[in-house]
Amino acid sequence: MQVPPAELEHLLHTNPEIDDVAVVPYPDEEAGQIPMAFVVRKPGSNITAAQVMEFVAEQVSPYKKIRRVSFINSIPKSPSGKILRRELVAYALSNGSSKL
């Protein structure tokens, strides 16, 4: 099943504790790929990965659920503001879900 990253990003932007977010595909043995979210917390927020996943799970079909979350300081973007997903995918594959 295909999951449009923009749909999940839009949903996550509605969370008052999230400042910015990017969703990328992450390799999975069973599903092929699963959605992974890179989240920038708002100042003072202590939102956890479990809370991010639960927030999405309550509002989407089971196959669209976020399965991995990584907290980062900023989302890499091009000068025009486009999310640089390749950089995030490469980072996820090389470092797992540790912090930037």
PDB file of N, CA and C in Angstrom:
ATOM      1  N   MET A   1       0.841  -1.191   0.000  1.00  0.00           N
ATOM      2  CA  MET A   1       0.000   0.000   0.000  1.00  0.00           C
ATOM      3  C   MET A   1       0.883   1.250   0.000  1.00  0.00           C
ATOM      4  N   GLN A   2       0.513   2.210  -0.799  1.00  0.00           N
ATOM      5  CA  GLN A   2       1.267   3.450  -0.834  1.00  0.00           C
ATOM      6  C   GLN A   2       0.715   4.427   0.195  1.00  0.00           C
ATOM      7  N   VAL A   3       1.631   5.103   0.855  1.00  0.00           N
ATOM      8  CA  VAL A   3       1.266   6.095   1.858  1.00  0.00           C
ATOM      9  C   VAL A   3       1.900   7.425   1.450  1.00  0.00           C
ATOM     10  N   PRO A   4       1.078   8.428   1.090  1.00  0.00           N
ATOM     11  CA  PRO A   4       1.646   9.721   0.705  1.00  0.00           C
ATOM     12  C   PRO A   4       2.235  10.449   1.910  1.00  0.00           C
ATOM     13  N   PRO A   5       3.541  10.735   1.894  1.00  0.00           N
ATOM     14  CA  PRO A   5       4.166  11.423   3.034  1.00  0.00           C
ATOM     15  C   PRO A   5       3.485  12.742   3.373  1.00  0.00           C
ATOM     16  N   ALA A   6       3.051  13.491   2.362  1.00  0.00           N
ATOM     17  CA  ALA A   6       2.434  14.798   2.607  1.00  0.00           C
ATOM     18  C   ALA A   6       1.172  14.680   3.457  1.00  0.00           C
ATOM     19  N   GLU A   7       0.429  13.606   3.290  1.00  0.00           N
ATOM     20  CA  GLU A   7      -0.791  13.398   4.079  1.00  0.00           C
ATOM     21  C   GLU A   7      -0.450  13.263   5.565  1.00  0.00           C
ATOM     22  N   LEU A   8       0.562  12.457   5.866  1.00  0.00           N
ATOM     23  CA  LEU A   8       0.967  12.265   7.257  1.00  0.00           C
ATOM     24  C   LEU A   8       1.624  13.525   7.819  1.00  0.00           C
ATOM     25  N   GLU A   9       2.392  14.216   6.996  1.00  0.00           N
ATOM     26  CA  GLU A   9       3.033  15.465   7.435  1.00  0.00           C
ATOM     27  C   GLU A   9       1.975  16.502   7.794  1.00  0.00           C
ATOM     28  N   HIS A  10       0.947  16.622   6.952  1.00  0.00           N
ATOM     29  CA  HIS A  10      -0.128  17.578   7.225  1.00  0.00           C
ATOM     30  C   HIS A  10      -0.807  17.245   8.552  1.00  0.00           C
ATOM     31  N   LEU A  11      -1.078  15.985   8.779  1.00  0.00           N
ATOM     32  CA  LEU A  11      -1.702  15.546  10.020  1.00  0.00           C
ATOM     33  C   LEU A  11      -0.815  15.876  11.228  1.00  0.00           C
ATOM     34  N   LEU A  12       0.472  15.573  11.124  1.00  0.00           N
ATOM     35  CA  LEU A  12       1.390  15.830  12.233  1.00  0.00           C
ATOM     36  C   LEU A  12       1.557  17.326  12.514  1.00  0.00           C
ATOM     37  N   HIS A  13       1.444  18.153  11.485  1.00  0.00           N
ATOM     38  CA  HIS A  13       1.545  19.611  11.687  1.00  0.00           C
ATOM     39  C   HIS A  13       0.389  20.134  12.537  1.00  0.00           C
ATOM     40  N   THR A  14      -0.701  19.380  12.650  1.00  0.00           N
ATOM     41  CA  THR A  14      -1.830  19.821  13.475  1.00  0.00           C
ATOM     42  C   THR A  14      -1.578  19.573  14.956  1.00  0.00           C
ATOM     43  N   ASN A  15      -0.528  18.829  15.297  1.00  0.00           N
ATOM     44  CA  ASN A  15      -0.198  18.578  16.703  1.00  0.00           C
ATOM     45  C   ASN A  15       0.461  19.831  17.277  1.00  0.00           C
ATOM     46  N   PRO A  16      -0.073  20.369  18.382  1.00  0.00           N
ATOM     47  CA  PRO A  16       0.468  21.619  18.932  1.00  0.00           C
ATOM     48  C   PRO A  16       1.891  21.507  19.490  1.00  0.00           C
ATOM     49  N   GLU A  17       2.404  20.295  19.686  1.00  0.00           N
ATOM     50  CA  GLU A  17       3.752  20.129  20.232  1.00  0.00           C
ATOM     51  C   GLU A  17       4.818  19.929  19.155  1.00  0.00           C
ATOM     52  N   ILE A  18       4.391  19.897  17.891  1.00  0.00           N
ATOM     53  CA  ILE A  18       5.318  19.644  16.782  1.00  0.00           C
ATOM     54  C   ILE A  18       5.527  20.932  15.987  1.00  0.00           C
ATOM     55  N   ASP A  19       6.802  21.307  15.815  1.00  0.00           N
ATOM     56  CA  ASP A  19       7.158  22.518  15.083  1.00  0.00           C
ATOM     57  C   ASP A  19       7.290  22.244  13.589  1.00  0.00           C
ATOM     58  N   ASP A  20       7.952  21.137  13.236  1.00  0.00           N
ATOM     59  CA  ASP A  20       8.140  20.774  11.829  1.00  0.00           C
ATOM     60  C   ASP A  20       8.271  19.266  11.740  1.00  0.00           C
ATOM     61  N   VAL A  21       8.007  18.718  10.558  1.00  0.00           N
ATOM     62  CA  VAL A  21       8.022  17.261  10.400  1.00  0.00           C
ATOM     63  C   VAL A  21       8.279  16.891   8.946  1.00  0.00           C
ATOM     64  N   ALA A  22       8.882  15.731   8.765  1.00  0.00           N
ATOM     65  CA  ALA A  22       9.054  15.147   7.434  1.00  0.00           C
ATOM     66  C   ALA A  22       8.834  13.650   7.567  1.00  0.00           C
ATOM     67  N   VAL A  23       8.140  13.063   6.612  1.00  0.00           N
ATOM     68  CA  VAL A  23       7.888  11.619   6.614  1.00  0.00           C
ATOM     69  C   VAL A  23       8.599  11.014   5.415  1.00  0.00           C
ATOM     70  N   VAL A  24       9.343   9.925   5.674  1.00  0.00           N
ATOM     71  CA  VAL A  24      10.096   9.239   4.617  1.00  0.00           C
ATOM     72  C   VAL A  24       9.822   7.747   4.696  1.00  0.00           C
ATOM     73  N   PRO A  25      10.058   7.026   3.602  1.00  0.00           N
ATOM     74  CA  PRO A  25       9.926   5.566   3.652  1.00  0.00           C
ATOM     75  C   PRO A  25      11.147   4.947   4.341  1.00  0.00           C
ATOM     76  N   TYR A  26      10.910   3.933   5.152  1.00  0.00           N
ATOM     77  CA  TYR A  26      11.989   3.224   5.838  1.00  0.00           C
ATOM     78  C   TYR A  26      11.849   1.749   5.486  1.00  0.00           C
ATOM     79  N   PRO A  27      12.949   1.089   5.075  1.00  0.00           N
ATOM     80  CA  PRO A  27      12.863  -0.316   4.668  1.00  0.00           C
ATOM     81  C   PRO A  27      12.357  -1.223   5.797  1.00  0.00           C
ATOM     82  N   ASP A  28      11.491  -2.169   5.421  1.00  0.00           N
ATOM     83  CA  ASP A  28      10.935  -3.127   6.377  1.00  0.00           C
ATOM     84  C   ASP A  28      10.856  -4.491   5.705  1.00  0.00           C
ATOM     85  N   GLU A  29      11.295  -5.533   6.426  1.00  0.00           N
ATOM     86  CA  GLU A  29      11.323  -6.872   5.832  1.00  0.00           C
ATOM     87  C   GLU A  29       9.936  -7.370   5.447  1.00  0.00           C
ATOM     88  N   GLU A  30       8.942  -7.134   6.282  1.00  0.00           N
ATOM     89  CA  GLU A  30       7.597  -7.646   6.023  1.00  0.00           C
ATOM     90  C   GLU A  30       6.819  -6.780   5.032  1.00  0.00           C
ATOM     91  N   ALA A  31       6.811  -5.473   5.264  1.00  0.00           N
ATOM     92  CA  ALA A  31       5.967  -4.574   4.474  1.00  0.00           C
ATOM     93  C   ALA A  31       6.667  -4.000   3.244  1.00  0.00           C
ATOM     94  N   GLY A  32       7.984  -4.121   3.170  1.00  0.00           N
ATOM     95  CA  GLY A  32       8.732  -3.487   2.089  1.00  0.00           C
ATOM     96  C   GLY A  32       9.242  -2.135   2.552  1.00  0.00           C
ATOM     97  N   GLN A  33       8.294  -1.244   2.883  1.00  0.00           N
ATOM     98  CA  GLN A  33       8.635   0.070   3.440  1.00  0.00           C
ATOM     99  C   GLN A  33       7.565   0.462   4.444  1.00  0.00           C
ATOM    100  N   ILE A  34       7.990   1.202   5.464  1.00  0.00           N
ATOM    101  CA  ILE A  34       7.060   1.727   6.460  1.00  0.00           C
ATOM    102  C   ILE A  34       7.291   3.234   6.600  1.00  0.00           C
ATOM    103  N   PRO A  35       6.280   3.981   7.021  1.00  0.00           N
ATOM    104  CA  PRO A  35       6.465   5.418   7.213  1.00  0.00           C
ATOM    105  C   PRO A  35       7.305   5.715   8.459  1.00  0.00           C
ATOM    106  N   MET A  36       8.297   6.578   8.298  1.00  0.00           N
ATOM    107  CA  MET A  36       9.115   7.044   9.413  1.00  0.00           C
ATOM    108  C   MET A  36       9.025   8.560   9.463  1.00  0.00           C
ATOM    109  N   ALA A  37       8.821   9.093  10.667  1.00  0.00           N
ATOM    110  CA  ALA A  37       8.697  10.545  10.827  1.00  0.00           C
ATOM    111  C   ALA A  37       9.937  11.126  11.482  1.00  0.00           C
ATOM    112  N   PHE A  38      10.419  12.220  10.909  1.00  0.00           N
ATOM    113  CA  PHE A  38      11.454  13.036  11.544  1.00  0.00           C
ATOM    114  C   PHE A  38      10.717  14.242  12.106  1.00  0.00           C
ATOM    115  N   VAL A  39      10.830  14.429  13.413  1.00  0.00           N
ATOM    116  CA  VAL A  39      10.030  15.436  14.104  1.00  0.00           C
ATOM    117  C   VAL A  39      10.928  16.480  14.775  1.00  0.00           C
ATOM    118  N   VAL A  40      10.544  17.750  14.596  1.00  0.00           N
ATOM    119  CA  VAL A  40      11.174  18.855  15.313  1.00  0.00           C
ATOM    120  C   VAL A  40      10.165  19.301  16.368  1.00  0.00           C
ATOM    121  N   ARG A  41      10.547  19.143  17.632  1.00  0.00           N
ATOM    122  CA  ARG A  41       9.648  19.549  18.724  1.00  0.00           C
ATOM    123  C   ARG A  41       9.594  21.076  18.838  1.00  0.00           C
ATOM    124  N   LYS A  42       8.440  21.581  19.286  1.00  0.00           N
ATOM    125  CA  LYS A  42       8.344  23.008  19.611  1.00  0.00           C
ATOM    126  C   LYS A  42       9.148  23.241  20.880  1.00  0.00           C
ATOM    127  N   PRO A  43       9.696  24.449  21.074  1.00  0.00           N
ATOM    128  CA  PRO A  43      10.443  24.738  22.301  1.00  0.00           C
ATOM    129  C   PRO A  43       9.598  24.438  23.542  1.00  0.00           C
ATOM    130  N   GLY A  44      10.187  23.700  24.475  1.00  0.00           N
ATOM    131  CA  GLY A  44       9.487  23.344  25.702  1.00  0.00           C
ATOM    132  C   GLY A  44       8.673  22.066  25.612  1.00  0.00           C
ATOM    133  N   SER A  45       8.542  21.499  24.422  1.00  0.00           N
ATOM    134  CA  SER A  45       7.766  20.269  24.258  1.00  0.00           C
ATOM    135  C   SER A  45       8.603  19.057  24.647  1.00  0.00           C
ATOM    136  N   ASN A  46       7.951  18.087  25.265  1.00  0.00           N
ATOM    137  CA  ASN A  46       8.595  16.816  25.613  1.00  0.00           C
ATOM    138  C   ASN A  46       7.860  15.648  24.977  1.00  0.00           C
ATOM    139  N   ILE A  47       7.218  15.887  23.838  1.00  0.00           N
ATOM    140  CA  ILE A  47       6.465  14.821  23.175  1.00  0.00           C
ATOM    141  C   ILE A  47       7.395  13.645  22.880  1.00  0.00           C
ATOM    142  N   THR A  48       6.882  12.444  23.088  1.00  0.00           N
ATOM    143  CA  THR A  48       7.682  11.237  22.887  1.00  0.00           C
ATOM    144  C   THR A  48       7.343  10.579  21.555  1.00  0.00           C
ATOM    145  N   ALA A  49       8.197   9.646  21.150  1.00  0.00           N
ATOM    146  CA  ALA A  49       7.941   8.892  19.918  1.00  0.00           C
ATOM    147  C   ALA A  49       6.610   8.146  20.022  1.00  0.00           C
ATOM    148  N   ALA A  50       6.342   7.555  21.175  1.00  0.00           N
ATOM    149  CA  ALA A  50       5.085   6.825  21.370  1.00  0.00           C
ATOM    150  C   ALA A  50       3.879   7.747  21.212  1.00  0.00           C
ATOM    151  N   GLN A  51       3.993   8.973  21.717  1.00  0.00           N
ATOM    152  CA  GLN A  51       2.888   9.928  21.592  1.00  0.00           C
ATOM    153  C   GLN A  51       2.678  10.349  20.144  1.00  0.00           C
ATOM    154  N   VAL A  52       3.757  10.495  19.400  1.00  0.00           N
ATOM    155  CA  VAL A  52       3.651  10.846  17.973  1.00  0.00           C
ATOM    156  C   VAL A  52       2.952   9.709  17.226  1.00  0.00           C
ATOM    157  N   MET A  53       3.394   8.478  17.467  1.00  0.00           N
ATOM    158  CA  MET A  53       2.794   7.330  16.778  1.00  0.00           C
ATOM    159  C   MET A  53       1.320   7.164  17.145  1.00  0.00           C
ATOM    160  N   GLU A  54       0.983   7.380  18.406  1.00  0.00           N
ATOM    161  CA  GLU A  54      -0.404   7.256  18.858  1.00  0.00           C
ATOM    162  C   GLU A  54      -1.272   8.350  18.241  1.00  0.00           C
ATOM    163  N   PHE A  55      -0.747   9.571  18.167  1.00  0.00           N
ATOM    164  CA  PHE A  55      -1.475  10.697  17.576  1.00  0.00           C
ATOM    165  C   PHE A  55      -1.898  10.367  16.143  1.00  0.00           C
ATOM    166  N   VAL A  56      -0.982   9.788  15.371  1.00  0.00           N
ATOM    167  CA  VAL A  56      -1.283   9.436  13.980  1.00  0.00           C
ATOM    168  C   VAL A  56      -2.208   8.229  13.920  1.00  0.00           C
ATOM    169  N   ALA A  57      -1.935   7.210  14.745  1.00  0.00           N
ATOM    170  CA  ALA A  57      -2.704   5.960  14.710  1.00  0.00           C
ATOM    171  C   ALA A  57      -4.194   6.195  14.969  1.00  0.00           C
ATOM    172  N   GLU A  58      -4.514   7.189  15.789  1.00  0.00           N
ATOM    173  CA  GLU A  58      -5.913   7.471  16.110  1.00  0.00           C
ATOM    174  C   GLU A  58      -6.672   8.057  14.919  1.00  0.00           C
ATOM    175  N   GLN A  59      -5.956   8.517  13.889  1.00  0.00           N
ATOM    176  CA  GLN A  59      -6.606   9.261  12.811  1.00  0.00           C
ATOM    177  C   GLN A  59      -6.447   8.669  11.413  1.00  0.00           C
ATOM    178  N   VAL A  60      -5.692   7.569  11.289  1.00  0.00           N
ATOM    179  CA  VAL A  60      -5.458   7.007   9.950  1.00  0.00           C
ATOM    180  C   VAL A  60      -5.716   5.498   9.922  1.00  0.00           C
ATOM    181  N   SER A  61      -5.761   4.954   8.717  1.00  0.00           N
ATOM    182  CA  SER A  61      -5.887   3.501   8.542  1.00  0.00           C
ATOM    183  C   SER A  61      -4.646   2.813   9.083  1.00  0.00           C
ATOM    184  N   PRO A  62      -4.776   1.555   9.511  1.00  0.00           N
ATOM    185  CA  PRO A  62      -3.623   0.853  10.100  1.00  0.00           C
ATOM    186  C   PRO A  62      -2.368   0.842   9.220  1.00  0.00           C
ATOM    187  N   TYR A  63      -2.516   0.723   7.909  1.00  0.00           N
ATOM    188  CA  TYR A  63      -1.323   0.650   7.054  1.00  0.00           C
ATOM    189  C   TYR A  63      -0.615   1.997   6.927  1.00  0.00           C
ATOM    190  N   LYS A  64      -1.267   3.088   7.336  1.00  0.00           N
ATOM    191  CA  LYS A  64      -0.654   4.415   7.241  1.00  0.00           C
ATOM    192  C   LYS A  64       0.042   4.837   8.532  1.00  0.00           C
ATOM    193  N   LYS A  65      -0.027   4.028   9.562  1.00  0.00           N
ATOM    194  CA  LYS A  65       0.557   4.403  10.848  1.00  0.00           C
ATOM    195  C   LYS A  65       2.059   4.648  10.746  1.00  0.00           C
ATOM    196  N   ILE A  66       2.525   5.627  11.523  1.00  0.00           N
ATOM    197  CA  ILE A  66       3.962   5.891  11.644  1.00  0.00           C
ATOM    198  C   ILE A  66       4.540   4.750  12.488  1.00  0.00           C
ATOM    199  N   ARG A  67       5.612   4.138  12.019  1.00  0.00           N
ATOM    200  CA  ARG A  67       6.208   3.004  12.737  1.00  0.00           C
ATOM    201  C   ARG A  67       7.530   3.349  13.416  1.00  0.00           C
ATOM    202  N   ARG A  68       8.159   4.432  12.970  1.00  0.00           N
ATOM    203  CA  ARG A  68       9.429   4.880  13.563  1.00  0.00           C
ATOM    204  C   ARG A  68       9.402   6.400  13.658  1.00  0.00           C
ATOM    205  N   VAL A  69      10.031   6.911  14.712  1.00  0.00           N
ATOM    206  CA  VAL A  69      10.108   8.361  14.907  1.00  0.00           C
ATOM    207  C   VAL A  69      11.527   8.709  15.318  1.00  0.00           C
ATOM    208  N   SER A  70      12.055   9.780  14.744  1.00  0.00           N
ATOM    209  CA  SER A  70      13.353  10.297  15.127  1.00  0.00           C
ATOM    210  C   SER A  70      13.197  11.791  15.369  1.00  0.00           C
ATOM    211  N   PHE A  71      13.726  12.273  16.491  1.00  0.00           N
ATOM    212  CA  PHE A  71      13.658  13.703  16.802  1.00  0.00           C
ATOM    213  C   PHE A  71      14.947  14.373  16.339  1.00  0.00           C
ATOM    214  N   ILE A  72      14.784  15.462  15.586  1.00  0.00           N
ATOM    215  CA  ILE A  72      15.939  16.185  15.057  1.00  0.00           C
ATOM    216  C   ILE A  72      15.767  17.679  15.324  1.00  0.00           C
ATOM    217  N   ASN A  73      16.852  18.426  15.128  1.00  0.00           N
ATOM    218  CA  ASN A  73      16.826  19.866  15.401  1.00  0.00           C
ATOM    219  C   ASN A  73      16.181  20.671  14.285  1.00  0.00           C
ATOM    220  N   SER A  74      16.328  20.207  13.050  1.00  0.00           N
ATOM    221  CA  SER A  74      15.705  20.900  11.922  1.00  0.00           C
ATOM    222  C   SER A  74      15.568  19.939  10.748  1.00  0.00           C
ATOM    223  N   ILE A  75      14.574  20.200   9.920  1.00  0.00           N
ATOM    224  CA  ILE A  75      14.325  19.400   8.720  1.00  0.00           C
ATOM    225  C   ILE A  75      15.172  19.999   7.596  1.00  0.00           C
ATOM    226  N   PRO A  76      16.022  19.175   6.944  1.00  0.00           N
ATOM    227  CA  PRO A  76      16.819  19.728   5.830  1.00  0.00           C
ATOM    228  C   PRO A  76      15.920  20.091   4.644  1.00  0.00           C
ATOM    229  N   LYS A  77      16.100  21.319   4.154  1.00  0.00           N
ATOM    230  CA  LYS A  77      15.269  21.794   3.041  1.00  0.00           C
ATOM    231  C   LYS A  77      16.136  22.499   2.009  1.00  0.00           C
ATOM    232  N   SER A  78      15.662  22.473   0.779  1.00  0.00           N
ATOM    233  CA  SER A  78      16.343  23.179  -0.306  1.00  0.00           C
ATOM    234  C   SER A  78      16.080  24.671  -0.148  1.00  0.00           C
ATOM    235  N   PRO A  79      16.815  25.514  -0.901  1.00  0.00           N
ATOM    236  CA  PRO A  79      16.568  26.962  -0.818  1.00  0.00           C
ATOM    237  C   PRO A  79      15.114  27.341  -1.125  1.00  0.00           C
ATOM    238  N   SER A  80      14.428  26.509  -1.905  1.00  0.00           N
ATOM    239  CA  SER A  80      13.028  26.807  -2.233  1.00  0.00           C
ATOM    240  C   SER A  80      12.061  26.281  -1.174  1.00  0.00           C
ATOM    241  N   GLY A  81      12.584  25.594  -0.154  1.00  0.00           N
ATOM    242  CA  GLY A  81      11.735  25.115   0.931  1.00  0.00           C
ATOM    243  C   GLY A  81      11.282  23.671   0.811  1.00  0.00           C
ATOM    244  N   LYS A  82      11.736  22.988  -0.228  1.00  0.00           N
ATOM    245  CA  LYS A  82      11.361  21.594  -0.423  1.00  0.00           C
ATOM    246  C   LYS A  82      12.155  20.704   0.538  1.00  0.00           C
ATOM    247  N   ILE A  83      11.461  19.746   1.158  1.00  0.00           N
ATOM    248  CA  ILE A  83      12.121  18.821   2.084  1.00  0.00           C
ATOM    249  C   ILE A  83      13.101  17.934   1.315  1.00  0.00           C
ATOM    250  N   LEU A  84      14.333  17.821   1.834  1.00  0.00           N
ATOM    251  CA  LEU A  84      15.355  16.978   1.207  1.00  0.00           C
ATOM    252  C   LEU A  84      15.236  15.563   1.774  1.00  0.00           C
ATOM    253  N   ARG A  85      14.275  14.819   1.237  1.00  0.00           N
ATOM    254  CA  ARG A  85      13.966  13.482   1.758  1.00  0.00           C
ATOM    255  C   ARG A  85      15.129  12.501   1.609  1.00  0.00           C
ATOM    256  N   ARG A  86      15.888  12.639   0.529  1.00  0.00           N
ATOM    257  CA  ARG A  86      17.020  11.712   0.334  1.00  0.00           C
ATOM    258  C   ARG A  86      18.010  11.796   1.483  1.00  0.00           C
ATOM    259  N   GLU A  87      18.254  13.018   1.965  1.00  0.00           N
ATOM    260  CA  GLU A  87      19.170  13.190   3.101  1.00  0.00           C
ATOM    261  C   GLU A  87      18.620  12.501   4.348  1.00  0.00           C
ATOM    262  N   LEU A  88      17.315  12.619   4.557  1.00  0.00           N
ATOM    263  CA  LEU A  88      16.702  11.988   5.731  1.00  0.00           C
ATOM    264  C   LEU A  88      16.719  10.464   5.619  1.00  0.00           C
ATOM    265  N   VAL A  89      16.447   9.942   4.428  1.00  0.00           N
ATOM    266  CA  VAL A  89      16.491   8.490   4.224  1.00  0.00           C
ATOM    267  C   VAL A  89      17.905   7.984   4.464  1.00  0.00           C
ATOM    268  N   ALA A  90      18.898   8.669   3.911  1.00  0.00           N
ATOM    269  CA  ALA A  90      20.297   8.259   4.106  1.00  0.00           C
ATOM    270  C   ALA A  90      20.668   8.305   5.584  1.00  0.00           C
ATOM    271  N   TYR A  91      20.222   9.341   6.277  1.00  0.00           N
ATOM    272  CA  TYR A  91      20.502   9.460   7.708  1.00  0.00           C
ATOM    273  C   TYR A  91      19.834   8.315   8.483  1.00  0.00           C
ATOM    274  N   ALA A  92      18.592   8.036   8.161  1.00  0.00           N
ATOM    275  CA  ALA A  92      17.878   6.953   8.858  1.00  0.00           C
ATOM    276  C   ALA A  92      18.565   5.612   8.661  1.00  0.00           C
ATOM    277  N   LEU A  93      19.021   5.353   7.452  1.00  0.00           N
ATOM    278  CA  LEU A  93      19.663   4.073   7.161  1.00  0.00           C
ATOM    279  C   LEU A  93      21.036   3.959   7.812  1.00  0.00           C
ATOM    280  N   SER A  94      21.730   5.083   7.958  1.00  0.00           N
ATOM    281  CA  SER A  94      23.075   5.021   8.532  1.00  0.00           C
ATOM    282  C   SER A  94      23.075   5.086  10.054  1.00  0.00           C
ATOM    283  N   ASN A  95      22.101   5.768  10.634  1.00  0.00           N
ATOM    284  CA  ASN A  95      22.113   5.989  12.080  1.00  0.00           C
ATOM    285  C   ASN A  95      20.918   5.423  12.821  1.00  0.00           C
ATOM    286  N   GLY A  96      20.013   4.776  12.151  1.00  0.00           N
ATOM    287  CA  GLY A  96      18.825   4.305  12.851  1.00  0.00           C
ATOM    288  C   GLY A  96      17.984   5.495  13.278  1.00  0.00           C
ATOM    289  N   SER A  97      17.481   5.462  14.485  1.00  0.00           N
ATOM    290  CA  SER A  97      16.618   6.556  14.939  1.00  0.00           C
ATOM    291  C   SER A  97      17.257   7.353  16.067  1.00  0.00           C
ATOM    292  N   SER A  98      18.575   7.456  16.080  1.00  0.00           N
ATOM    293  CA  SER A  98      19.244   8.283  17.091  1.00  0.00           C
ATOM    294  C   SER A  98      19.065   9.755  16.714  1.00  0.00           C
ATOM    295  N   LYS A  99      19.450  10.645  17.587  1.00  0.00           N
ATOM    296  CA  LYS A  99      19.244  12.072  17.346  1.00  0.00           C
ATOM    297  C   LYS A  99      20.351  12.665  16.475  1.00  0.00           C
ATOM    298  N   LEU A 100      20.003  13.686  15.702  1.00  0.00           N
ATOM    299  CA  LEU A 100      20.994  14.428  14.900  1.00  0.00           C
ATOM    300  C   LEU A 100      21.788  15.338  15.797  1.00  0.00           C
TER     301      LEU A 100
END
